[in-house]
Every structure is written in structure tokens, then in C-alpha cells.
Amino acid sequence: MMKRPAPRRQLSTSPFTVPAAPVAKHFDPGERVSHDRYGLGKVIGVEDETAMLVDFGSYKVRILNPYTGLHKL
């Protein structure tokens, strides 16, 4: 069994910045989007900010939050 190293803590005197948490993206049904893998699409459903259904033409994909690779047009 491998032990995981302890997470690194940020010292207050460090000149380096703490990595910021990604900004939560918000999408509404009907918005046009672009995905790095699937291309252009349209949001057809949002599930309580945890997932959404996007129509990419020939197929529909359920994308989970934090919606990496997805951009509003």
C-alpha cells in the first residue's frame, strides 16, 4: 500500500501565489457553446449546476461540472 504525500501548505511569507480555484461557469438552456473535443453545440438542459446536456448535432452529451473545455460563444 502506497502512502500519499501530505498536501503542500502555502506559507504566508512565500513570494509565490496560491493557485486560485477555477471560476464556476454558468450556462443557460439555449446558449451556444464550443467544446474542445465535441465542437459547436447548444445547451438543451441544466441539472442543478452539477451537469448539463448539450446537443452537438449528431449526438447529445452530458457534461459534468466544472465544464472543462467548454466555452460560451
PDB file of N, CA and C in Angstrom:
ATOM      1  N   MET A   1       0.843  -1.181   0.000  1.00  0.00           N
ATOM      2  CA  MET A   1       0.000   0.000   0.000  1.00  0.00           C
ATOM      3  C   MET A   1       0.886   1.241   0.000  1.00  0.00           C
ATOM      4  N   MET A   2       0.660   2.112  -0.974  1.00  0.00           N
ATOM      5  CA  MET A   2       1.472   3.316  -1.099  1.00  0.00           C
ATOM      6  C   MET A   2       0.865   4.438  -0.285  1.00  0.00           C
ATOM      7  N   LYS A   3       1.725   5.159   0.393  1.00  0.00           N
ATOM      8  CA  LYS A   3       1.268   6.321   1.150  1.00  0.00           C
ATOM      9  C   LYS A   3       1.298   7.539   0.235  1.00  0.00           C
ATOM     10  N   ARG A   4       0.281   8.351   0.364  1.00  0.00           N
ATOM     11  CA  ARG A   4       0.242   9.591  -0.410  1.00  0.00           C
ATOM     12  C   ARG A   4       0.953  10.684   0.371  1.00  0.00           C
ATOM     13  N   PRO A   5       1.686  11.526  -0.319  1.00  0.00           N
ATOM     14  CA  PRO A   5       2.348  12.618   0.390  1.00  0.00           C
ATOM     15  C   PRO A   5       1.314  13.625   0.893  1.00  0.00           C
ATOM     16  N   ALA A   6       1.666  14.280   1.969  1.00  0.00           N
ATOM     17  CA  ALA A   6       0.776  15.291   2.534  1.00  0.00           C
ATOM     18  C   ALA A   6       0.667  16.455   1.558  1.00  0.00           C
ATOM     19  N   PRO A   7      -0.505  17.098   1.484  1.00  0.00           N
ATOM     20  CA  PRO A   7      -0.632  18.250   0.588  1.00  0.00           C
ATOM     21  C   PRO A   7       0.280  19.384   1.039  1.00  0.00           C
ATOM     22  N   ARG A   8       0.821  20.076   0.085  1.00  0.00           N
ATOM     23  CA  ARG A   8       1.710  21.192   0.409  1.00  0.00           C
ATOM     24  C   ARG A   8       0.900  22.364   0.927  1.00  0.00           C
ATOM     25  N   ARG A   9       1.401  22.991   1.960  1.00  0.00           N
ATOM     26  CA  ARG A   9       0.699  24.152   2.501  1.00  0.00           C
ATOM     27  C   ARG A   9       1.418  25.409   2.062  1.00  0.00           C
ATOM     28  N   GLN A  10       0.672  26.458   1.896  1.00  0.00           N
ATOM     29  CA  GLN A  10       1.208  27.726   1.448  1.00  0.00           C
ATOM     30  C   GLN A  10       1.607  28.551   2.665  1.00  0.00           C
ATOM     31  N   LEU A  11       2.852  28.971   2.718  1.00  0.00           N
ATOM     32  CA  LEU A  11       3.315  29.822   3.807  1.00  0.00           C
ATOM     33  C   LEU A  11       2.948  31.262   3.520  1.00  0.00           C
ATOM     34  N   SER A  12       2.580  31.990   4.557  1.00  0.00           N
ATOM     35  CA  SER A  12       2.172  33.382   4.366  1.00  0.00           C
ATOM     36  C   SER A  12       3.327  34.255   3.901  1.00  0.00           C
ATOM     37  N   THR A  13       4.552  33.840   4.122  1.00  0.00           N
ATOM     38  CA  THR A  13       5.718  34.618   3.705  1.00  0.00           C
ATOM     39  C   THR A  13       6.222  34.231   2.320  1.00  0.00           C
ATOM     40  N   SER A  14       5.580  33.298   1.665  1.00  0.00           N
ATOM     41  CA  SER A  14       6.019  32.824   0.367  1.00  0.00           C
ATOM     42  C   SER A  14       5.774  33.869  -0.717  1.00  0.00           C
ATOM     43  N   PRO A  15       6.745  34.068  -1.625  1.00  0.00           N
ATOM     44  CA  PRO A  15       6.541  35.029  -2.715  1.00  0.00           C
ATOM     45  C   PRO A  15       5.658  34.472  -3.830  1.00  0.00           C
ATOM     46  N   PHE A  16       5.330  33.190  -3.762  1.00  0.00           N
ATOM     47  CA  PHE A  16       4.535  32.566  -4.802  1.00  0.00           C
ATOM     48  C   PHE A  16       3.060  32.623  -4.428  1.00  0.00           C
ATOM     49  N   THR A  17       2.208  32.751  -5.405  1.00  0.00           N
ATOM     50  CA  THR A  17       0.775  32.831  -5.145  1.00  0.00           C
ATOM     51  C   THR A  17       0.169  31.443  -5.050  1.00  0.00           C
ATOM     52  N   VAL A  18      -0.895  31.366  -4.316  1.00  0.00           N
ATOM     53  CA  VAL A  18      -1.634  30.113  -4.182  1.00  0.00           C
ATOM     54  C   VAL A  18      -2.450  29.919  -5.444  1.00  0.00           C
ATOM     55  N   PRO A  19      -2.470  28.715  -6.024  1.00  0.00           N
ATOM     56  CA  PRO A  19      -3.292  28.502  -7.208  1.00  0.00           C
ATOM     57  C   PRO A  19      -4.762  28.796  -6.889  1.00  0.00           C
ATOM     58  N   ALA A  20      -5.364  29.613  -7.695  1.00  0.00           N
ATOM     59  CA  ALA A  20      -6.758  30.006  -7.478  1.00  0.00           C
ATOM     60  C   ALA A  20      -7.694  28.896  -7.935  1.00  0.00           C
ATOM     61  N   ALA A  21      -8.803  28.765  -7.226  1.00  0.00           N
ATOM     62  CA  ALA A  21      -9.827  27.799  -7.621  1.00  0.00           C
ATOM     63  C   ALA A  21     -10.465  28.274  -8.922  1.00  0.00           C
ATOM     64  N   PRO A  22     -10.822  27.358  -9.830  1.00  0.00           N
ATOM     65  CA  PRO A  22     -11.439  27.785 -11.088  1.00  0.00           C
ATOM     66  C   PRO A  22     -12.774  28.476 -10.844  1.00  0.00           C
ATOM     67  N   VAL A  23     -13.029  29.479 -11.646  1.00  0.00           N
ATOM     68  CA  VAL A  23     -14.288  30.226 -11.540  1.00  0.00           C
ATOM     69  C   VAL A  23     -15.426  29.348 -12.042  1.00  0.00           C
ATOM     70  N   ALA A  24     -16.491  29.298 -11.273  1.00  0.00           N
ATOM     71  CA  ALA A  24     -17.644  28.478 -11.666  1.00  0.00           C
ATOM     72  C   ALA A  24     -18.302  29.082 -12.901  1.00  0.00           C
ATOM     73  N   LYS A  25     -18.521  28.257 -13.903  1.00  0.00           N
ATOM     74  CA  LYS A  25     -19.172  28.709 -15.128  1.00  0.00           C
ATOM     75  C   LYS A  25     -20.666  28.478 -15.009  1.00  0.00           C
ATOM     76  N   HIS A  26     -21.442  29.377 -15.582  1.00  0.00           N
ATOM     77  CA  HIS A  26     -22.897  29.260 -15.546  1.00  0.00           C
ATOM     78  C   HIS A  26     -23.417  29.270 -16.976  1.00  0.00           C
ATOM     79  N   PHE A  27     -24.228  28.280 -17.304  1.00  0.00           N
ATOM     80  CA  PHE A  27     -24.812  28.169 -18.640  1.00  0.00           C
ATOM     81  C   PHE A  27     -26.322  28.075 -18.517  1.00  0.00           C
ATOM     82  N   ASP A  28     -27.027  28.658 -19.473  1.00  0.00           N
ATOM     83  CA  ASP A  28     -28.482  28.619 -19.519  1.00  0.00           C
ATOM     84  C   ASP A  28     -28.922  27.825 -20.742  1.00  0.00           C
ATOM     85  N   PRO A  29     -30.081  27.176 -20.666  1.00  0.00           N
ATOM     86  CA  PRO A  29     -30.601  26.471 -21.841  1.00  0.00           C
ATOM     87  C   PRO A  29     -30.754  27.417 -23.025  1.00  0.00           C
ATOM     88  N   GLY A  30     -30.354  26.954 -24.188  1.00  0.00           N
ATOM     89  CA  GLY A  30     -30.448  27.760 -25.401  1.00  0.00           C
ATOM     90  C   GLY A  30     -29.153  28.460 -25.777  1.00  0.00           C
ATOM     91  N   GLU A  31     -28.177  28.486 -24.886  1.00  0.00           N
ATOM     92  CA  GLU A  31     -26.913  29.152 -25.184  1.00  0.00           C
ATOM     93  C   GLU A  31     -26.068  28.310 -26.134  1.00  0.00           C
ATOM     94  N   ARG A  32     -25.366  28.985 -27.025  1.00  0.00           N
ATOM     95  CA  ARG A  32     -24.440  28.321 -27.944  1.00  0.00           C
ATOM     96  C   ARG A  32     -23.095  28.188 -27.244  1.00  0.00           C
ATOM     97  N   VAL A  33     -22.474  27.024 -27.387  1.00  0.00           N
ATOM     98  CA  VAL A  33     -21.198  26.751 -26.728  1.00  0.00           C
ATOM     99  C   VAL A  33     -20.233  26.080 -27.696  1.00  0.00           C
ATOM    100  N   SER A  34     -18.973  26.085 -27.316  1.00  0.00           N
ATOM    101  CA  SER A  34     -17.933  25.393 -28.061  1.00  0.00           C
ATOM    102  C   SER A  34     -17.187  24.504 -27.076  1.00  0.00           C
ATOM    103  N   HIS A  35     -16.969  23.245 -27.458  1.00  0.00           N
ATOM    104  CA  HIS A  35     -16.248  22.304 -26.614  1.00  0.00           C
ATOM    105  C   HIS A  35     -14.972  21.902 -27.338  1.00  0.00           C
ATOM    106  N   ASP A  36     -13.890  21.769 -26.580  1.00  0.00           N
ATOM    107  CA  ASP A  36     -12.590  21.438 -27.183  1.00  0.00           C
ATOM    108  C   ASP A  36     -12.609  20.098 -27.905  1.00  0.00           C
ATOM    109  N   ARG A  37     -13.414  19.164 -27.452  1.00  0.00           N
ATOM    110  CA  ARG A  37     -13.441  17.829 -28.052  1.00  0.00           C
ATOM    111  C   ARG A  37     -14.606  17.634 -29.025  1.00  0.00           C
ATOM    112  N   TYR A  38     -15.797  18.151 -28.673  1.00  0.00           N
ATOM    113  CA  TYR A  38     -17.009  17.871 -29.449  1.00  0.00           C
ATOM    114  C   TYR A  38     -17.368  18.950 -30.468  1.00  0.00           C
ATOM    115  N   GLY A  39     -16.815  20.147 -30.347  1.00  0.00           N
ATOM    116  CA  GLY A  39     -17.093  21.211 -31.303  1.00  0.00           C
ATOM    117  C   GLY A  39     -18.219  22.123 -30.865  1.00  0.00           C
ATOM    118  N   LEU A  40     -18.983  22.647 -31.843  1.00  0.00           N
ATOM    119  CA  LEU A  40     -20.055  23.594 -31.566  1.00  0.00           C
ATOM    120  C   LEU A  40     -21.320  22.872 -31.131  1.00  0.00           C
ATOM    121  N   GLY A  41     -22.023  23.480 -30.166  1.00  0.00           N
ATOM    122  CA  GLY A  41     -23.247  22.859 -29.676  1.00  0.00           C
ATOM    123  C   GLY A  41     -24.167  23.876 -29.041  1.00  0.00           C
ATOM    124  N   LYS A  42     -25.299  23.370 -28.549  1.00  0.00           N
ATOM    125  CA  LYS A  42     -26.314  24.207 -27.916  1.00  0.00           C
ATOM    126  C   LYS A  42     -26.762  23.526 -26.631  1.00  0.00           C
ATOM    127  N   VAL A  43     -26.790  24.292 -25.522  1.00  0.00           N
ATOM    128  CA  VAL A  43     -27.213  23.754 -24.231  1.00  0.00           C
ATOM    129  C   VAL A  43     -28.718  23.499 -24.293  1.00  0.00           C
ATOM    130  N   ILE A  44     -29.130  22.264 -23.988  1.00  0.00           N
ATOM    131  CA  ILE A  44     -30.558  21.946 -24.031  1.00  0.00           C
ATOM    132  C   ILE A  44     -31.119  21.617 -22.650  1.00  0.00           C
ATOM    133  N   GLY A  45     -30.250  21.501 -21.644  1.00  0.00           N
ATOM    134  CA  GLY A  45     -30.732  21.237 -20.295  1.00  0.00           C
ATOM    135  C   GLY A  45     -29.646  21.426 -19.264  1.00  0.00           C
ATOM    136  N   VAL A  46     -30.031  21.955 -18.076  1.00  0.00           N
ATOM    137  CA  VAL A  46     -29.097  22.158 -16.970  1.00  0.00           C
ATOM    138  C   VAL A  46     -29.647  21.445 -15.753  1.00  0.00           C
ATOM    139  N   GLU A  47     -28.814  20.647 -15.083  1.00  0.00           N
ATOM    140  CA  GLU A  47     -29.222  19.870 -13.919  1.00  0.00           C
ATOM    141  C   GLU A  47     -28.604  20.437 -12.649  1.00  0.00           C
ATOM    142  N   ASP A  48     -29.259  21.370 -11.992  1.00  0.00           N
ATOM    143  CA  ASP A  48     -28.842  21.915 -10.687  1.00  0.00           C
ATOM    144  C   ASP A  48     -27.364  22.270 -10.612  1.00  0.00           C
ATOM    145  N   GLU A  49     -26.812  22.857 -11.629  1.00  0.00           N
ATOM    146  CA  GLU A  49     -25.417  23.289 -11.668  1.00  0.00           C
ATOM    147  C   GLU A  49     -24.417  22.138 -11.458  1.00  0.00           C
ATOM    148  N   THR A  50     -24.851  20.888 -11.605  1.00  0.00           N
ATOM    149  CA  THR A  50     -23.925  19.761 -11.479  1.00  0.00           C
ATOM    150  C   THR A  50     -23.593  19.151 -12.828  1.00  0.00           C
ATOM    151  N   ALA A  51     -24.487  19.290 -13.779  1.00  0.00           N
ATOM    152  CA  ALA A  51     -24.269  18.740 -15.118  1.00  0.00           C
ATOM    153  C   ALA A  51     -25.193  19.454 -16.095  1.00  0.00           C
ATOM    154  N   MET A  52     -24.913  19.268 -17.379  1.00  0.00           N
ATOM    155  CA  MET A  52     -25.807  19.817 -18.392  1.00  0.00           C
ATOM    156  C   MET A  52     -25.760  18.935 -19.628  1.00  0.00           C
ATOM    157  N   LEU A  53     -26.826  19.027 -20.402  1.00  0.00           N
ATOM    158  CA  LEU A  53     -26.952  18.260 -21.633  1.00  0.00           C
ATOM    159  C   LEU A  53     -26.757  19.215 -22.802  1.00  0.00           C
ATOM    160  N   VAL A  54     -25.833  18.852 -23.684  1.00  0.00           N
ATOM    161  CA  VAL A  54     -25.503  19.707 -24.826  1.00  0.00           C
ATOM    162  C   VAL A  54     -25.731  18.922 -26.105  1.00  0.00           C
ATOM    163  N   ASP A  55     -26.425  19.558 -27.058  1.00  0.00           N
ATOM    164  CA  ASP A  55     -26.693  18.961 -28.365  1.00  0.00           C
ATOM    165  C   ASP A  55     -25.608  19.421 -29.328  1.00  0.00           C
ATOM    166  N   PHE A  56     -24.824  18.471 -29.834  1.00  0.00           N
ATOM    167  CA  PHE A  56     -23.756  18.774 -30.783  1.00  0.00           C
ATOM    168  C   PHE A  56     -24.134  18.373 -32.207  1.00  0.00           C
ATOM    169  N   GLY A  57     -25.424  18.307 -32.495  1.00  0.00           N
ATOM    170  CA  GLY A  57     -25.878  17.973 -33.836  1.00  0.00           C
ATOM    171  C   GLY A  57     -26.184  16.504 -33.986  1.00  0.00           C
ATOM    172  N   SER A  58     -25.182  15.696 -34.208  1.00  0.00           N
ATOM    173  CA  SER A  58     -25.404  14.277 -34.427  1.00  0.00           C
ATOM    174  C   SER A  58     -25.497  13.474 -33.128  1.00  0.00           C
ATOM    175  N   TYR A  59     -25.152  14.087 -32.012  1.00  0.00           N
ATOM    176  CA  TYR A  59     -25.250  13.394 -30.730  1.00  0.00           C
ATOM    177  C   TYR A  59     -25.407  14.389 -29.597  1.00  0.00           C
ATOM    178  N   LYS A  60     -25.882  13.890 -28.455  1.00  0.00           N
ATOM    179  CA  LYS A  60     -26.067  14.702 -27.251  1.00  0.00           C
ATOM    180  C   LYS A  60     -25.120  14.178 -26.181  1.00  0.00           C
ATOM    181  N   VAL A  61     -24.503  15.109 -25.457  1.00  0.00           N
ATOM    182  CA  VAL A  61     -23.510  14.735 -24.453  1.00  0.00           C
ATOM    183  C   VAL A  61     -23.870  15.389 -23.127  1.00  0.00           C
ATOM    184  N   ARG A  62     -23.795  14.601 -22.037  1.00  0.00           N
ATOM    185  CA  ARG A  62     -23.994  15.124 -20.685  1.00  0.00           C
ATOM    186  C   ARG A  62     -22.605  15.481 -20.157  1.00  0.00           C
ATOM    187  N   ILE A  63     -22.398  16.759 -19.843  1.00  0.00           N
ATOM    188  CA  ILE A  63     -21.105  17.259 -19.384  1.00  0.00           C
ATOM    189  C   ILE A  63     -21.224  17.647 -17.918  1.00  0.00           C
ATOM    190  N   LEU A  64     -20.293  17.152 -17.116  1.00  0.00           N
ATOM    191  CA  LEU A  64     -20.306  17.401 -15.682  1.00  0.00           C
ATOM    192  C   LEU A  64     -19.563  18.681 -15.324  1.00  0.00           C
ATOM    193  N   ASN A  65     -19.971  19.286 -14.214  1.00  0.00           N
ATOM    194  CA  ASN A  65     -19.313  20.465 -13.685  1.00  0.00           C
ATOM    195  C   ASN A  65     -17.914  20.079 -13.249  1.00  0.00           C
ATOM    196  N   PRO A  66     -16.867  20.764 -13.520  1.00  0.00           N
ATOM    197  CA  PRO A  66     -16.662  22.177 -13.769  1.00  0.00           C
ATOM    198  C   PRO A  66     -16.638  22.563 -15.237  1.00  0.00           C
ATOM    199  N   TYR A  67     -17.150  21.736 -16.130  1.00  0.00           N
ATOM    200  CA  TYR A  67     -17.302  22.052 -17.553  1.00  0.00           C
ATOM    201  C   TYR A  67     -15.969  22.411 -18.195  1.00  0.00           C
ATOM    202  N   THR A  68     -14.946  21.620 -17.944  1.00  0.00           N
ATOM    203  CA  THR A  68     -13.634  21.913 -18.543  1.00  0.00           C
ATOM    204  C   THR A  68     -13.718  21.736 -20.058  1.00  0.00           C
ATOM    205  N   GLY A  69     -13.094  22.654 -20.754  1.00  0.00           N
ATOM    206  CA  GLY A  69     -13.079  22.597 -22.212  1.00  0.00           C
ATOM    207  C   GLY A  69     -14.306  23.185 -22.861  1.00  0.00           C
ATOM    208  N   LEU A  70     -15.243  23.724 -22.080  1.00  0.00           N
ATOM    209  CA  LEU A  70     -16.473  24.271 -22.624  1.00  0.00           C
ATOM    210  C   LEU A  70     -16.457  25.782 -22.513  1.00  0.00           C
ATOM    211  N   HIS A  71     -16.808  26.454 -23.599  1.00  0.00           N
ATOM    212  CA  HIS A  71     -16.744  27.916 -23.641  1.00  0.00           C
ATOM    213  C   HIS A  71     -18.017  28.470 -24.264  1.00  0.00           C
ATOM    214  N   LYS A  72     -18.493  29.594 -23.721  1.00  0.00           N
ATOM    215  CA  LYS A  72     -19.653  30.279 -24.305  1.00  0.00           C
ATOM    216  C   LYS A  72     -19.226  30.967 -25.591  1.00  0.00           C
ATOM    217  N   LEU A  73     -20.157  31.072 -26.518  1.00  0.00           N
ATOM    218  CA  LEU A  73     -19.885  31.802 -27.764  1.00  0.00           C
ATOM    219  C   LEU A  73     -20.534  33.158 -27.710  1.00  0.00           C
TER     220      LEU A  73
END
